Amino acid sequence: MKDDVFTEVTSQGDRKRQDEAHIEIRVDNRSAMDDCLNSAVERVMEVALQRQLYGILVTRLAGGRFRVELNESVPYGYTEQRDERDLSS
């Protein structure tokens, strides 16, 4: 799989979030990052507009790794960002 391609993954978590799709992205350059994040947000936004329950959370997991998902902590109609990189090293 190319590094600049995003894949959709379905959460296997608790019942409350089990049916919520999220998209995980792994990229190796800025251009791919922008394109993949924009595409992922658009795809998750389609689901958000249908459900009208939660907003979109974009989480930076590590260098070049991101997750885009519907999240109950984000109000419907909003997109928020979170950085979960370990910067202590």
PDB file of N, CA and C in Angstrom:
ATOM      1  N   MET A   1       0.838  -1.186   0.000  1.00  0.00           N
ATOM      2  CA  MET A   1       0.000   0.000   0.000  1.00  0.00           C
ATOM      3  C   MET A   1       0.877   1.241   0.000  1.00  0.00           C
ATOM      4  N   LYS A   2       0.556   2.207  -0.874  1.00  0.00           N
ATOM      5  CA  LYS A   2       1.321   3.440  -0.911  1.00  0.00           C
ATOM      6  C   LYS A   2       1.094   4.238   0.358  1.00  0.00           C
ATOM      7  N   ASP A   3       2.110   4.962   0.773  1.00  0.00           N
ATOM      8  CA  ASP A   3       2.018   5.727   2.013  1.00  0.00           C
ATOM      9  C   ASP A   3       1.016   6.868   1.945  1.00  0.00           C
ATOM     10  N   ASP A   4       0.733   7.396   0.748  1.00  0.00           N
ATOM     11  CA  ASP A   4      -0.150   8.554   0.678  1.00  0.00           C
ATOM     12  C   ASP A   4      -1.604   8.177   0.412  1.00  0.00           C
ATOM     13  N   VAL A   5      -1.956   6.920   0.602  1.00  0.00           N
ATOM     14  CA  VAL A   5      -3.328   6.467   0.421  1.00  0.00           C
ATOM     15  C   VAL A   5      -3.955   6.271   1.795  1.00  0.00           C
ATOM     16  N   PHE A   6      -5.202   6.726   1.958  1.00  0.00           N
ATOM     17  CA  PHE A   6      -5.842   6.529   3.242  1.00  0.00           C
ATOM     18  C   PHE A   6      -6.766   5.323   3.190  1.00  0.00           C
ATOM     19  N   THR A   7      -6.964   4.723   4.327  1.00  0.00           N
ATOM     20  CA  THR A   7      -7.815   3.540   4.430  1.00  0.00           C
ATOM     21  C   THR A   7      -8.897   3.788   5.454  1.00  0.00           C
ATOM     22  N   GLU A   8     -10.061   3.274   5.169  1.00  0.00           N
ATOM     23  CA  GLU A   8     -11.164   3.401   6.110  1.00  0.00           C
ATOM     24  C   GLU A   8     -11.167   2.189   7.021  1.00  0.00           C
ATOM     25  N   VAL A   9     -11.313   2.453   8.295  1.00  0.00           N
ATOM     26  CA  VAL A   9     -11.319   1.393   9.289  1.00  0.00           C
ATOM     27  C   VAL A   9     -12.568   1.568  10.132  1.00  0.00           C
ATOM     28  N   THR A  10     -13.244   0.499  10.441  1.00  0.00           N
ATOM     29  CA  THR A  10     -14.423   0.584  11.294  1.00  0.00           C
ATOM     30  C   THR A  10     -14.027   0.292  12.726  1.00  0.00           C
ATOM     31  N   SER A  11     -14.475   1.136  13.616  1.00  0.00           N
ATOM     32  CA  SER A  11     -14.154   0.971  15.032  1.00  0.00           C
ATOM     33  C   SER A  11     -14.713  -0.340  15.558  1.00  0.00           C
ATOM     34  N   GLN A  12     -13.923  -1.031  16.354  1.00  0.00           N
ATOM     35  CA  GLN A  12     -14.377  -2.254  17.017  1.00  0.00           C
ATOM     36  C   GLN A  12     -14.534  -2.001  18.512  1.00  0.00           C
ATOM     37  N   GLY A  13     -14.720  -0.747  18.891  1.00  0.00           N
ATOM     38  CA  GLY A  13     -14.778  -0.358  20.299  1.00  0.00           C
ATOM     39  C   GLY A  13     -16.116  -0.655  20.941  1.00  0.00           C
ATOM     40  N   ASP A  14     -16.451   0.101  21.955  1.00  0.00           N
ATOM     41  CA  ASP A  14     -17.680  -0.139  22.699  1.00  0.00           C
ATOM     42  C   ASP A  14     -18.914   0.087  21.821  1.00  0.00           C
ATOM     43  N   ARG A  15     -20.052  -0.338  22.327  1.00  0.00           N
ATOM     44  CA  ARG A  15     -21.284  -0.302  21.550  1.00  0.00           C
ATOM     45  C   ARG A  15     -21.647   1.105  21.092  1.00  0.00           C
ATOM     46  N   LYS A  16     -21.359   2.094  21.906  1.00  0.00           N
ATOM     47  CA  LYS A  16     -21.723   3.469  21.584  1.00  0.00           C
ATOM     48  C   LYS A  16     -21.024   3.945  20.306  1.00  0.00           C
ATOM     49  N   ARG A  17     -19.799   3.484  20.082  1.00  0.00           N
ATOM     50  CA  ARG A  17     -19.038   3.958  18.940  1.00  0.00           C
ATOM     51  C   ARG A  17     -18.825   2.876  17.887  1.00  0.00           C
ATOM     52  N   GLN A  18     -19.429   1.727  18.053  1.00  0.00           N
ATOM     53  CA  GLN A  18     -19.131   0.595  17.194  1.00  0.00           C
ATOM     54  C   GLN A  18     -19.434   0.861  15.726  1.00  0.00           C
ATOM     55  N   ASP A  19     -20.500   1.591  15.423  1.00  0.00           N
ATOM     56  CA  ASP A  19     -20.875   1.778  14.034  1.00  0.00           C
ATOM     57  C   ASP A  19     -20.240   3.014  13.407  1.00  0.00           C
ATOM     58  N   GLU A  20     -19.416   3.728  14.136  1.00  0.00           N
ATOM     59  CA  GLU A  20     -18.826   4.949  13.605  1.00  0.00           C
ATOM     60  C   GLU A  20     -17.548   4.645  12.849  1.00  0.00           C
ATOM     61  N   ALA A  21     -17.588   4.938  11.565  1.00  0.00           N
ATOM     62  CA  ALA A  21     -16.394   4.752  10.749  1.00  0.00           C
ATOM     63  C   ALA A  21     -15.380   5.829  11.095  1.00  0.00           C
ATOM     64  N   HIS A  22     -14.134   5.451  11.010  1.00  0.00           N
ATOM     65  CA  HIS A  22     -13.074   6.451  11.090  1.00  0.00           C
ATOM     66  C   HIS A  22     -12.062   6.129   9.997  1.00  0.00           C
ATOM     67  N   ILE A  23     -11.304   7.115   9.641  1.00  0.00           N
ATOM     68  CA  ILE A  23     -10.319   6.971   8.582  1.00  0.00           C
ATOM     69  C   ILE A  23      -8.948   7.226   9.176  1.00  0.00           C
ATOM     70  N   GLU A  24      -8.048   6.303   8.954  1.00  0.00           N
ATOM     71  CA  GLU A  24      -6.672   6.480   9.399  1.00  0.00           C
ATOM     72  C   GLU A  24      -5.803   6.749   8.189  1.00  0.00           C
ATOM     73  N   ILE A  25      -4.883   7.684   8.357  1.00  0.00           N
ATOM     74  CA  ILE A  25      -4.047   8.157   7.253  1.00  0.00           C
ATOM     75  C   ILE A  25      -2.590   8.024   7.643  1.00  0.00           C
ATOM     76  N   ARG A  26      -1.801   7.563   6.710  1.00  0.00           N
ATOM     77  CA  ARG A  26      -0.342   7.537   6.891  1.00  0.00           C
ATOM     78  C   ARG A  26       0.253   8.178   5.637  1.00  0.00           C
ATOM     79  N   VAL A  27       1.041   9.233   5.819  1.00  0.00           N
ATOM     80  CA  VAL A  27       1.636   9.961   4.694  1.00  0.00           C
ATOM     81  C   VAL A  27       3.113  10.220   4.962  1.00  0.00           C
ATOM     82  N   ASP A  28       3.836  10.519   3.877  1.00  0.00           N
ATOM     83  CA  ASP A  28       5.261  10.797   4.053  1.00  0.00           C
ATOM     84  C   ASP A  28       5.679  12.159   3.502  1.00  0.00           C
ATOM     85  N   ASN A  29       4.698  12.978   3.066  1.00  0.00           N
ATOM     86  CA  ASN A  29       5.042  14.335   2.625  1.00  0.00           C
ATOM     87  C   ASN A  29       3.850  15.271   2.810  1.00  0.00           C
ATOM     88  N   ARG A  30       4.129  16.545   2.834  1.00  0.00           N
ATOM     89  CA  ARG A  30       3.124  17.571   3.143  1.00  0.00           C
ATOM     90  C   ARG A  30       1.983  17.600   2.121  1.00  0.00           C
ATOM     91  N   SER A  31       2.322  17.480   0.861  1.00  0.00           N
ATOM     92  CA  SER A  31       1.309  17.515  -0.185  1.00  0.00           C
ATOM     93  C   SER A  31       0.324  16.360  -0.021  1.00  0.00           C
ATOM     94  N   ALA A  32       0.836  15.164   0.210  1.00  0.00           N
ATOM     95  CA  ALA A  32      -0.025  13.997   0.426  1.00  0.00           C
ATOM     96  C   ALA A  32      -0.859  14.188   1.686  1.00  0.00           C
ATOM     97  N   MET A  33      -0.278  14.776   2.726  1.00  0.00           N
ATOM     98  CA  MET A  33      -0.992  14.999   3.973  1.00  0.00           C
ATOM     99  C   MET A  33      -2.211  15.891   3.729  1.00  0.00           C
ATOM    100  N   ASP A  34      -2.007  17.002   3.072  1.00  0.00           N
ATOM    101  CA  ASP A  34      -3.119  17.918   2.815  1.00  0.00           C
ATOM    102  C   ASP A  34      -4.215  17.255   1.993  1.00  0.00           C
ATOM    103  N   ASP A  35      -3.827  16.564   0.923  1.00  0.00           N
ATOM    104  CA  ASP A  35      -4.810  15.909   0.060  1.00  0.00           C
ATOM    105  C   ASP A  35      -5.582  14.841   0.796  1.00  0.00           C
ATOM    106  N   CYS A  36      -4.883  13.988   1.527  1.00  0.00           N
ATOM    107  CA  CYS A  36      -5.541  12.887   2.236  1.00  0.00           C
ATOM    108  C   CYS A  36      -6.427  13.388   3.370  1.00  0.00           C
ATOM    109  N   LEU A  37      -5.949  14.363   4.122  1.00  0.00           N
ATOM    110  CA  LEU A  37      -6.776  14.904   5.208  1.00  0.00           C
ATOM    111  C   LEU A  37      -8.039  15.557   4.669  1.00  0.00           C
ATOM    112  N   ASN A  38      -7.907  16.339   3.601  1.00  0.00           N
ATOM    113  CA  ASN A  38      -9.083  16.981   3.008  1.00  0.00           C
ATOM    114  C   ASN A  38     -10.088  15.946   2.525  1.00  0.00           C
ATOM    115  N   SER A  39      -9.606  14.905   1.859  1.00  0.00           N
ATOM    116  CA  SER A  39     -10.497  13.847   1.368  1.00  0.00           C
ATOM    117  C   SER A  39     -11.164  13.109   2.523  1.00  0.00           C
ATOM    118  N   ALA A  40     -10.399  12.813   3.553  1.00  0.00           N
ATOM    119  CA  ALA A  40     -10.944  12.096   4.705  1.00  0.00           C
ATOM    120  C   ALA A  40     -12.014  12.924   5.407  1.00  0.00           C
ATOM    121  N   VAL A  41     -11.750  14.208   5.612  1.00  0.00           N
ATOM    122  CA  VAL A  41     -12.737  15.072   6.267  1.00  0.00           C
ATOM    123  C   VAL A  41     -14.011  15.138   5.425  1.00  0.00           C
ATOM    124  N   GLU A  42     -13.883  15.224   4.115  1.00  0.00           N
ATOM    125  CA  GLU A  42     -15.065  15.259   3.251  1.00  0.00           C
ATOM    126  C   GLU A  42     -15.884  13.976   3.376  1.00  0.00           C
ATOM    127  N   ARG A  43     -15.217  12.833   3.415  1.00  0.00           N
ATOM    128  CA  ARG A  43     -15.921  11.547   3.535  1.00  0.00           C
ATOM    129  C   ARG A  43     -16.614  11.414   4.881  1.00  0.00           C
ATOM    130  N   VAL A  44     -15.944  11.808   5.955  1.00  0.00           N
ATOM    131  CA  VAL A  44     -16.559  11.719   7.279  1.00  0.00           C
ATOM    132  C   VAL A  44     -17.679  12.752   7.406  1.00  0.00           C
ATOM    133  N   MET A  45     -17.530  13.899   6.743  1.00  0.00           N
ATOM    134  CA  MET A  45     -18.561  14.933   6.780  1.00  0.00           C
ATOM    135  C   MET A  45     -19.866  14.417   6.163  1.00  0.00           C
ATOM    136  N   GLU A  46     -19.771  13.578   5.128  1.00  0.00           N
ATOM    137  CA  GLU A  46     -20.972  13.003   4.529  1.00  0.00           C
ATOM    138  C   GLU A  46     -21.754  12.189   5.558  1.00  0.00           C
ATOM    139  N   VAL A  47     -21.049  11.409   6.358  1.00  0.00           N
ATOM    140  CA  VAL A  47     -21.694  10.613   7.406  1.00  0.00           C
ATOM    141  C   VAL A  47     -22.257  11.536   8.487  1.00  0.00           C
ATOM    142  N   ALA A  48     -21.488  12.555   8.856  1.00  0.00           N
ATOM    143  CA  ALA A  48     -21.939  13.499   9.892  1.00  0.00           C
ATOM    144  C   ALA A  48     -23.232  14.199   9.463  1.00  0.00           C
ATOM    145  N   LEU A  49     -23.309  14.575   8.200  1.00  0.00           N
ATOM    146  CA  LEU A  49     -24.513  15.258   7.709  1.00  0.00           C
ATOM    147  C   LEU A  49     -25.724  14.336   7.729  1.00  0.00           C
ATOM    148  N   GLN A  50     -25.519  13.050   7.507  1.00  0.00           N
ATOM    149  CA  GLN A  50     -26.630  12.095   7.546  1.00  0.00           C
ATOM    150  C   GLN A  50     -27.106  11.878   8.984  1.00  0.00           C
ATOM    151  N   ARG A  51     -26.174  11.740   9.902  1.00  0.00           N
ATOM    152  CA  ARG A  51     -26.525  11.405  11.292  1.00  0.00           C
ATOM    153  C   ARG A  51     -26.887  12.623  12.127  1.00  0.00           C
ATOM    154  N   GLN A  52     -26.251  13.752  11.858  1.00  0.00           N
ATOM    155  CA  GLN A  52     -26.494  15.005  12.576  1.00  0.00           C
ATOM    156  C   GLN A  52     -26.416  14.844  14.096  1.00  0.00           C
ATOM    157  N   LEU A  53     -25.398  14.105  14.566  1.00  0.00           N
ATOM    158  CA  LEU A  53     -25.213  13.890  15.998  1.00  0.00           C
ATOM    159  C   LEU A  53     -23.897  14.441  16.517  1.00  0.00           C
ATOM    160  N   TYR A  54     -22.804  14.147  15.823  1.00  0.00           N
ATOM    161  CA  TYR A  54     -21.469  14.473  16.300  1.00  0.00           C
ATOM    162  C   TYR A  54     -20.708  15.288  15.274  1.00  0.00           C
ATOM    163  N   GLY A  55     -19.674  15.962  15.776  1.00  0.00           N
ATOM    164  CA  GLY A  55     -18.762  16.673  14.904  1.00  0.00           C
ATOM    165  C   GLY A  55     -17.587  15.787  14.527  1.00  0.00           C
ATOM    166  N   ILE A  56     -16.617  16.382  13.865  1.00  0.00           N
ATOM    167  CA  ILE A  56     -15.467  15.652  13.336  1.00  0.00           C
ATOM    168  C   ILE A  56     -14.226  15.995  14.153  1.00  0.00           C
ATOM    169  N   LEU A  57     -13.486  14.964  14.519  1.00  0.00           N
ATOM    170  CA  LEU A  57     -12.229  15.135  15.240  1.00  0.00           C
ATOM    171  C   LEU A  57     -11.094  14.618  14.358  1.00  0.00           C
ATOM    172  N   VAL A  58     -10.100  15.480  14.137  1.00  0.00           N
ATOM    173  CA  VAL A  58      -8.891  15.115  13.399  1.00  0.00           C
ATOM    174  C   VAL A  58      -7.770  15.015  14.426  1.00  0.00           C
ATOM    175  N   THR A  59      -7.190  13.820  14.568  1.00  0.00           N
ATOM    176  CA  THR A  59      -6.158  13.584  15.572  1.00  0.00           C
ATOM    177  C   THR A  59      -4.844  13.242  14.895  1.00  0.00           C
ATOM    178  N   ARG A  60      -3.804  13.978  15.262  1.00  0.00           N
ATOM    179  CA  ARG A  60      -2.450  13.640  14.789  1.00  0.00           C
ATOM    180  C   ARG A  60      -1.886  12.629  15.776  1.00  0.00           C
ATOM    181  N   LEU A  61      -1.660  11.412  15.307  1.00  0.00           N
ATOM    182  CA  LEU A  61      -1.206  10.324  16.163  1.00  0.00           C
ATOM    183  C   LEU A  61       0.305  10.280  16.284  1.00  0.00           C
ATOM    184  N   ALA A  62       0.987  10.587  15.212  1.00  0.00           N
ATOM    185  CA  ALA A  62       2.450  10.573  15.144  1.00  0.00           C
ATOM    186  C   ALA A  62       2.836  11.305  13.874  1.00  0.00           C
ATOM    187  N   GLY A  63       4.122  11.441  13.641  1.00  0.00           N
ATOM    188  CA  GLY A  63       4.563  12.070  12.408  1.00  0.00           C
ATOM    189  C   GLY A  63       4.016  11.333  11.200  1.00  0.00           C
ATOM    190  N   GLY A  64       3.179  11.981  10.409  1.00  0.00           N
ATOM    191  CA  GLY A  64       2.629  11.360   9.218  1.00  0.00           C
ATOM    192  C   GLY A  64       1.462  10.426   9.446  1.00  0.00           C
ATOM    193  N   ARG A  65       0.948  10.336  10.685  1.00  0.00           N
ATOM    194  CA  ARG A  65      -0.191   9.457  10.993  1.00  0.00           C
ATOM    195  C   ARG A  65      -1.323  10.278  11.607  1.00  0.00           C
ATOM    196  N   PHE A  66      -2.508  10.109  11.038  1.00  0.00           N
ATOM    197  CA  PHE A  66      -3.681  10.864  11.471  1.00  0.00           C
ATOM    198  C   PHE A  66      -4.897   9.953  11.528  1.00  0.00           C
ATOM    199  N   ARG A  67      -5.901  10.373  12.324  1.00  0.00           N
ATOM    200  CA  ARG A  67      -7.192   9.707  12.352  1.00  0.00           C
ATOM    201  C   ARG A  67      -8.253  10.787  12.224  1.00  0.00           C
ATOM    202  N   VAL A  68      -9.237  10.554  11.359  1.00  0.00           N
ATOM    203  CA  VAL A  68     -10.372  11.460  11.168  1.00  0.00           C
ATOM    204  C   VAL A  68     -11.610  10.655  11.514  1.00  0.00           C
ATOM    205  N   GLU A  69     -12.426  11.178  12.433  1.00  0.00           N
ATOM    206  CA  GLU A  69     -13.584  10.407  12.901  1.00  0.00           C
ATOM    207  C   GLU A  69     -14.690  11.305  13.416  1.00  0.00           C
ATOM    208  N   LEU A  70     -15.902  10.742  13.448  1.00  0.00           N
ATOM    209  CA  LEU A  70     -16.977  11.380  14.193  1.00  0.00           C
ATOM    210  C   LEU A  70     -16.687  11.151  15.659  1.00  0.00           C
ATOM    211  N   ASN A  71     -16.944  12.183  16.477  1.00  0.00           N
ATOM    212  CA  ASN A  71     -16.621  12.049  17.890  1.00  0.00           C
ATOM    213  C   ASN A  71     -17.672  12.782  18.704  1.00  0.00           C
ATOM    214  N   GLU A  72     -18.192  12.093  19.726  1.00  0.00           N
ATOM    215  CA  GLU A  72     -19.270  12.669  20.529  1.00  0.00           C
ATOM    216  C   GLU A  72     -18.841  13.891  21.346  1.00  0.00           C
ATOM    217  N   SER A  73     -17.544  14.088  21.533  1.00  0.00           N
ATOM    218  CA  SER A  73     -17.078  15.260  22.281  1.00  0.00           C
ATOM    219  C   SER A  73     -17.042  16.525  21.423  1.00  0.00           C
ATOM    220  N   VAL A  74     -17.256  16.376  20.122  1.00  0.00           N
ATOM    221  CA  VAL A  74     -17.250  17.523  19.210  1.00  0.00           C
ATOM    222  C   VAL A  74     -18.696  17.801  18.797  1.00  0.00           C
ATOM    223  N   PRO A  75     -19.161  19.031  19.004  1.00  0.00           N
ATOM    224  CA  PRO A  75     -20.546  19.355  18.641  1.00  0.00           C
ATOM    225  C   PRO A  75     -20.777  19.206  17.141  1.00  0.00           C
ATOM    226  N   TYR A  76     -21.986  18.765  16.788  1.00  0.00           N
ATOM    227  CA  TYR A  76     -22.356  18.638  15.378  1.00  0.00           C
ATOM    228  C   TYR A  76     -22.128  19.975  14.671  1.00  0.00           C
ATOM    229  N   GLY A  77     -21.535  19.916  13.495  1.00  0.00           N
ATOM    230  CA  GLY A  77     -21.271  21.121  12.710  1.00  0.00           C
ATOM    231  C   GLY A  77     -19.873  21.681  12.901  1.00  0.00           C
ATOM    232  N   TYR A  78     -19.100  21.097  13.817  1.00  0.00           N
ATOM    233  CA  TYR A  78     -17.745  21.570  14.097  1.00  0.00           C
ATOM    234  C   TYR A  78     -16.712  20.505  13.731  1.00  0.00           C
ATOM    235  N   THR A  79     -15.511  20.983  13.441  1.00  0.00           N
ATOM    236  CA  THR A  79     -14.356  20.111  13.252  1.00  0.00           C
ATOM    237  C   THR A  79     -13.277  20.601  14.201  1.00  0.00           C
ATOM    238  N   GLU A  80     -12.748  19.686  15.006  1.00  0.00           N
ATOM    239  CA  GLU A  80     -11.690  20.039  15.953  1.00  0.00           C
ATOM    240  C   GLU A  80     -10.453  19.203  15.684  1.00  0.00           C
ATOM    241  N   GLN A  81      -9.313  19.716  16.153  1.00  0.00           N
ATOM    242  CA  GLN A  81      -8.040  19.034  15.963  1.00  0.00           C
ATOM    243  C   GLN A  81      -7.455  18.701  17.320  1.00  0.00           C
ATOM    244  N   ARG A  82      -6.746  17.562  17.356  1.00  0.00           N
ATOM    245  CA  ARG A  82      -6.063  17.136  18.582  1.00  0.00           C
ATOM    246  C   ARG A  82      -4.693  16.599  18.165  1.00  0.00           C
ATOM    247  N   ASP A  83      -3.696  16.868  18.976  1.00  0.00           N
ATOM    248  CA  ASP A  83      -2.340  16.360  18.705  1.00  0.00           C
ATOM    249  C   ASP A  83      -1.961  15.387  19.813  1.00  0.00           C
ATOM    250  N   GLU A  84      -1.817  14.125  19.459  1.00  0.00           N
ATOM    251  CA  GLU A  84      -1.462  13.098  20.443  1.00  0.00           C
ATOM    252  C   GLU A  84      -0.049  12.556  20.227  1.00  0.00           C
ATOM    253  N   ARG A  85       0.767  13.317  19.508  1.00  0.00           N
ATOM    254  CA  ARG A  85       2.147  12.874  19.295  1.00  0.00           C
ATOM    255  C   ARG A  85       2.896  12.890  20.612  1.00  0.00           C
ATOM    256  N   ASP A  86       3.811  11.953  20.762  1.00  0.00           N
ATOM    257  CA  ASP A  86       4.695  11.938  21.920  1.00  0.00           C
ATOM    258  C   ASP A  86       5.913  12.807  21.589  1.00  0.00           C
ATOM    259  N   LEU A  87       5.928  14.008  22.140  1.00  0.00           N
ATOM    260  CA  LEU A  87       7.009  14.962  21.841  1.00  0.00           C
ATOM    261  C   LEU A  87       8.106  14.957  22.897  1.00  0.00           C
ATOM    262  N   SER A  88       8.037  13.998  23.821  1.00  0.00           N
ATOM    263  CA  SER A  88       9.007  13.966  24.919  1.00  0.00           C
ATOM    264  C   SER A  88      10.379  13.429  24.502  1.00  0.00           C
ATOM    265  N   SER A  89      10.446  12.755  23.363  1.00  0.00           N
ATOM    266  CA  SER A  89      11.738  12.167  22.937  1.00  0.00           C
ATOM    267  C   SER A  89      12.642  13.195  22.321  1.00  0.00           C
TER     268      SER A  89
END
